[in-house]
Protein backbone atom coordinates (compact mmCIF):
# COMPACT_ATOMS: atom_id res chain seq x y z
CA UNK A 1 271.90 166.28 168.96
CA UNK A 2 273.73 163.84 171.21
CA UNK A 3 271.66 161.34 173.13
CA UNK A 4 272.72 162.72 176.52
CA UNK A 5 271.59 166.24 175.65
CA UNK A 6 267.94 165.20 175.67
CA UNK A 7 268.23 165.04 179.45
CA UNK A 8 268.62 168.82 179.48
CA UNK A 9 264.97 169.25 178.54
CA UNK A 10 263.49 166.85 181.09
CA UNK A 11 263.48 169.51 183.90
CA UNK A 12 261.38 171.80 181.66
CA UNK A 13 258.71 169.10 181.50
CA UNK A 14 258.88 168.26 185.21
CA UNK A 15 258.71 171.93 186.23
CA UNK A 16 255.52 172.44 184.25
CA UNK A 17 253.93 169.40 185.90
CA UNK A 18 254.88 170.77 189.33
CA UNK A 19 253.57 174.20 188.39
CA UNK A 20 250.19 172.76 187.43
CA UNK A 21 250.08 170.82 190.67
CA UNK A 22 250.76 174.04 192.58
CA UNK A 23 247.85 175.91 190.97
CA UNK A 24 245.13 173.28 191.23
CA UNK A 25 242.30 175.82 191.59
CA UNK A 26 243.03 177.36 188.22
CA UNK A 27 243.24 173.94 186.60
CA UNK A 28 239.97 172.70 188.10
CA UNK A 29 238.24 175.84 186.87
CA UNK A 30 239.60 175.10 183.40
CA UNK A 31 238.29 171.52 183.63
CA UNK A 32 234.85 172.70 184.77
CA UNK A 33 234.52 175.20 181.95
CA UNK A 34 235.70 172.76 179.28
CA UNK A 35 233.42 169.97 180.59
CA UNK A 36 230.53 172.41 180.49
CA UNK A 37 231.29 173.07 176.83
CA UNK A 38 231.43 169.33 176.09
CA UNK A 39 227.99 168.75 177.62
CA UNK A 40 226.53 171.69 175.67
CA UNK A 41 227.85 170.07 172.49
CA UNK A 42 226.42 166.71 173.59
CA UNK A 43 222.88 168.02 174.17
CA UNK A 44 223.00 170.02 170.95
CA UNK A 45 223.91 166.98 168.87
CA UNK A 46 221.33 164.81 170.64
CA UNK A 47 218.68 167.38 169.72
CA UNK A 48 219.87 167.30 166.10
CA UNK A 49 219.73 163.50 165.96
CA UNK A 50 216.37 163.50 167.72
CA UNK A 51 214.85 165.77 165.07
CA UNK A 52 216.39 163.87 162.16
CA UNK A 53 214.65 161.07 160.30
CA UNK A 54 218.00 159.43 159.60
CA UNK A 55 219.93 157.50 162.22
CA UNK A 56 223.25 158.34 160.57
CA UNK A 57 224.51 161.88 160.03
CA UNK A 58 227.86 162.68 158.50
CA UNK A 59 228.78 159.01 158.62
CA UNK A 60 228.24 158.83 162.39
CA UNK A 61 225.43 157.09 164.26
CA UNK A 62 223.92 158.64 167.38
CA UNK A 63 226.07 156.48 169.66
CA UNK A 64 229.19 157.23 167.65
CA UNK A 65 228.45 160.95 167.92
CA UNK A 66 228.31 160.62 171.71
CA UNK A 67 231.74 159.02 171.63
CA UNK A 68 232.96 161.65 169.17
CA UNK A 69 231.86 164.55 171.38
CA UNK A 70 233.58 163.31 174.52
CA UNK A 71 236.67 161.88 172.81
CA UNK A 72 237.02 165.25 171.11
CA UNK A 73 236.99 166.77 174.59
CA UNK A 74 239.63 164.30 175.80
CA UNK A 75 241.78 164.84 172.71
CA UNK A 76 241.52 168.63 172.58
CA UNK A 77 242.30 168.77 176.29
CA UNK A 78 245.73 167.23 175.71
CA UNK A 79 246.42 168.46 172.18
CA UNK A 80 245.50 172.15 172.51
CA UNK A 81 248.51 173.01 174.64
CA UNK A 82 250.36 175.72 172.80
CA UNK A 83 253.63 177.58 173.20
CA UNK A 84 252.48 181.03 172.07
CA UNK A 85 252.05 182.25 175.64
CA UNK A 86 255.60 181.23 176.53
CA UNK A 87 257.03 183.02 173.48
CA UNK A 88 254.95 186.15 174.05
CA UNK A 89 256.04 186.42 177.69
CA UNK A 90 259.70 185.81 176.82
CA UNK A 91 259.66 188.49 174.13
CA UNK A 92 257.75 191.01 176.22
CA UNK A 93 259.98 190.81 179.30
CA UNK A 94 263.23 190.20 177.41
CA UNK A 95 263.82 186.71 178.80
CA UNK A 96 264.16 185.41 175.25
CA UNK A 97 267.68 186.88 175.17
CA UNK A 98 268.76 184.68 178.08
CA UNK A 99 267.29 181.65 176.34
CA UNK A 100 269.18 182.47 173.16
CA UNK A 101 272.57 182.53 174.87
CA UNK A 102 271.98 179.28 176.77
CA UNK A 103 273.31 176.01 175.28
CA UNK A 104 269.78 174.77 174.54
CA UNK A 105 267.43 174.66 171.60
CA UNK A 106 264.79 177.29 172.39
CA UNK A 107 262.07 175.51 170.43
CA UNK A 108 262.74 172.18 172.14
CA UNK A 109 262.63 173.89 175.53
CA UNK A 110 259.19 175.29 174.66
CA UNK A 111 257.91 171.93 173.45
CA UNK A 112 259.28 170.28 176.59
CA UNK A 113 257.39 172.75 178.77
CA UNK A 114 254.19 172.18 176.81
CA UNK A 115 254.62 168.41 177.10
CA UNK A 116 254.59 168.82 180.88
CA UNK A 117 251.12 170.37 180.62
CA UNK A 118 250.06 167.61 178.22
CA UNK A 119 251.12 164.89 180.68
CA UNK A 120 249.30 166.60 183.55
CA UNK A 121 246.11 167.11 181.56
CA UNK A 122 246.18 163.52 180.36
CA UNK A 123 246.46 162.18 183.89
CA UNK A 124 243.85 164.59 185.25
CA UNK A 125 241.15 164.66 184.01
CA UNK A 126 241.40 163.18 180.50
CA UNK A 127 242.15 159.59 181.46
CA UNK A 128 239.28 159.59 183.99
CA UNK A 129 236.83 161.00 181.44
CA UNK A 130 238.04 158.38 178.97
CA UNK A 131 237.49 155.54 181.45
CA UNK A 132 234.07 156.91 182.38
CA UNK A 133 233.14 157.12 178.71
CA UNK A 134 234.14 153.49 178.15
CA UNK A 135 232.00 152.40 181.11
CA UNK A 136 229.03 154.41 179.79
CA UNK A 137 229.65 153.04 176.31
CA UNK A 138 229.38 149.41 177.46
CA UNK A 139 226.82 149.71 180.29
CA UNK A 140 224.38 152.18 178.70
CA UNK A 141 224.98 152.22 174.95
CA UNK A 142 225.57 148.47 174.74
CA UNK A 143 228.66 148.84 172.56
CA UNK A 144 231.82 146.76 172.69
CA UNK A 145 234.88 147.82 174.65
CA UNK A 146 237.45 149.52 172.44
CA UNK A 147 240.18 147.15 171.29
CA UNK A 148 243.77 147.40 172.52
CA UNK A 149 244.81 147.97 168.91
CA UNK A 150 242.57 151.03 168.57
CA UNK A 151 243.77 152.38 171.92
CA UNK A 152 247.42 152.12 170.84
CA UNK A 153 246.69 153.62 167.42
CA UNK A 154 244.75 156.44 169.05
CA UNK A 155 247.60 157.20 171.47
CA UNK A 156 250.11 157.20 168.59
CA UNK A 157 247.93 159.49 166.50
CA UNK A 158 247.25 161.75 169.51
CA UNK A 159 251.01 162.02 170.15
CA UNK A 160 251.52 163.07 166.53
CA UNK A 161 248.69 165.58 166.98
CA UNK A 162 250.39 167.10 170.03
CA UNK A 163 253.59 167.63 168.03
CA UNK A 164 251.71 169.09 165.05
CA UNK A 165 249.82 171.56 167.23
CA UNK A 166 252.91 172.68 169.13
CA UNK A 167 255.03 173.08 166.01
CA UNK A 168 252.22 175.02 164.35
CA UNK A 169 251.85 177.14 167.48
CA UNK A 170 255.58 177.83 167.47
CA UNK A 171 255.40 179.16 163.90
CA UNK A 172 252.37 181.24 164.82
CA UNK A 173 253.97 182.46 168.04
CA UNK A 174 256.97 183.89 166.21
CA UNK A 175 254.71 186.81 165.28
CA UNK A 176 255.25 187.94 168.88
CA UNK A 177 258.70 189.12 167.74
CA UNK A 178 256.89 191.55 165.43
CA UNK A 179 253.68 192.45 167.27
CA UNK A 180 254.85 191.88 170.90
CA UNK A 181 251.25 191.47 172.14
CA UNK A 182 249.33 188.45 170.85
CA UNK A 183 246.04 188.51 172.77
CA UNK A 184 243.78 189.33 169.83
CA UNK A 185 245.66 187.06 167.44
CA UNK A 186 245.49 184.19 169.93
CA UNK A 187 241.72 184.59 170.26
CA UNK A 188 241.31 184.54 166.48
CA UNK A 189 243.64 181.56 166.15
CA UNK A 190 241.83 179.54 168.81
CA UNK A 191 238.44 180.17 167.19
CA UNK A 192 239.74 179.20 163.75
CA UNK A 193 241.51 176.08 165.01
CA UNK A 194 238.40 174.93 166.93
CA UNK A 195 236.45 175.03 163.68
CA UNK A 196 239.05 173.59 161.30
CA UNK A 197 240.10 170.70 163.55
CA UNK A 198 236.59 169.26 163.75
CA UNK A 199 236.29 170.17 167.41
CA UNK A 200 232.97 171.96 166.86
CA UNK A 201 231.63 170.11 163.82
CA UNK A 202 232.99 166.78 162.51
CA UNK A 203 234.73 167.31 159.20
CA UNK A 204 232.68 164.48 157.68
CA UNK A 205 229.61 166.79 157.88
CA UNK A 206 231.07 169.18 155.31
CA UNK A 207 230.72 168.79 151.52
CA UNK A 208 233.37 166.61 149.93
CA UNK A 209 235.19 169.55 148.36
CA UNK A 210 235.64 171.17 151.77
CA UNK A 211 236.77 167.86 153.25
CA UNK A 212 239.52 167.71 150.65
CA UNK A 213 240.60 171.26 151.55
CA UNK A 214 240.65 170.35 155.24
CA UNK A 215 242.70 167.24 154.44
CA UNK A 216 245.21 169.46 152.66
CA UNK A 217 245.64 171.59 155.80
CA UNK A 218 247.31 170.40 159.04
CA UNK A 219 244.28 171.14 161.24
CA UNK A 220 242.34 167.92 160.59
CA UNK A 221 245.39 166.00 161.78
CA UNK A 222 245.24 167.71 165.18
CA UNK A 223 241.96 166.42 166.63
CA UNK A 224 239.69 164.90 163.99
CA UNK A 225 242.19 162.24 162.89
CA UNK A 226 242.95 160.67 166.31
CA UNK A 227 239.26 160.68 167.28
CA UNK A 228 238.26 158.93 164.06
CA UNK A 229 241.12 156.46 164.57
CA UNK A 230 239.69 155.73 168.00
CA UNK A 231 236.22 155.18 166.52
CA UNK A 232 237.70 152.70 164.06
CA UNK A 233 236.73 154.73 161.01
CA UNK A 234 240.10 154.15 159.36
CA UNK A 235 241.61 150.82 158.42
CA UNK A 236 244.24 149.38 156.12
CA UNK A 237 245.73 151.77 153.60
CA UNK A 238 243.52 154.67 154.71
CA UNK A 239 244.78 154.33 158.28
CA UNK A 240 248.38 154.26 157.10
CA UNK A 241 247.71 157.31 154.91
CA UNK A 242 246.32 159.47 157.73
CA UNK A 243 249.19 158.54 160.06
CA UNK A 244 251.75 159.29 157.35
CA UNK A 245 249.98 162.60 156.74
CA UNK A 246 250.52 163.46 160.40
CA UNK A 247 254.21 162.58 160.12
CA UNK A 248 254.43 164.72 156.99
CA UNK A 249 253.03 167.75 158.83
CA UNK A 250 255.42 167.23 161.74
CA UNK A 251 258.40 167.29 159.38
CA UNK A 252 257.06 170.22 157.32
CA UNK A 253 256.16 172.39 160.31
CA UNK A 254 259.49 171.64 161.96
CA UNK A 255 261.32 172.72 158.81
CA UNK A 256 259.13 175.83 158.43
CA UNK A 257 259.72 176.74 162.07
CA UNK A 258 263.48 176.43 161.60
CA UNK A 259 263.43 178.78 158.61
CA UNK A 260 261.18 181.34 160.32
CA UNK A 261 263.24 181.20 163.53
CA UNK A 262 266.45 182.00 161.67
CA UNK A 263 264.83 184.91 159.89
CA UNK A 264 262.96 186.36 162.86
CA UNK A 265 265.91 186.38 165.26
CA UNK A 266 267.82 188.59 162.85
CA UNK A 267 265.37 191.41 163.59
CA UNK A 268 264.98 190.75 167.31
CA UNK A 269 263.98 193.78 169.41
CA UNK A 270 264.15 193.34 173.18
CA UNK A 271 262.00 195.53 175.47
CA UNK A 272 263.34 194.27 178.76
CA UNK A 273 265.61 191.72 180.38
């Protein structure tokens, strides 16, 4: 793709940011519900640590678990922005046909739209929760401020996570060309992803054999990896390995999506448009 053609996709991102700004009530309700879930997780883990005789569980101290819970919230808030809904709507109303005849890459247009939501969610409320967490971490927990290096590594890993999730979601969303309606499948997918990404339970709490299975799958690279990078749990060769694993999944899922897209469009059935 020529360098100038990337500009074609910028309006997709900007339009999504404007759309989220236009429907602030819906977004604030989303923030309230997700924050509520984060605090439930926080009190649950504090109860677990309070009833345990050990100060370290699953390789995480009590203070590290507090950081894990809220950084998981911050990370999932910006990473879990899928493209399934866009694909489902396009297939159901026939708009996918118009996208296919336009001189654009349909997948890149979807990713560009999702990136608009990612940018908006990062600016409000994720960055404010992150800053508040750092203040609490230093003032109340007595821990050191996170280093600039860890911040940059976290942002890099989180960016890789965003791409992995969206490319995975694109592959998953192609089932809309077969089933048309994806509501039930989306619910099942969201529940499975929440579990496998370490959003509910840190992967380090599972037996080693299950950890190896999770490492083999792309899900741990979506949320667990950037959060653990932020906590400084990876260093040296291990850090390089987890980042390279994320790059590997980006390339693999992109290639898989290309193959599936070519096959699925050959049996395209349009209901509208």
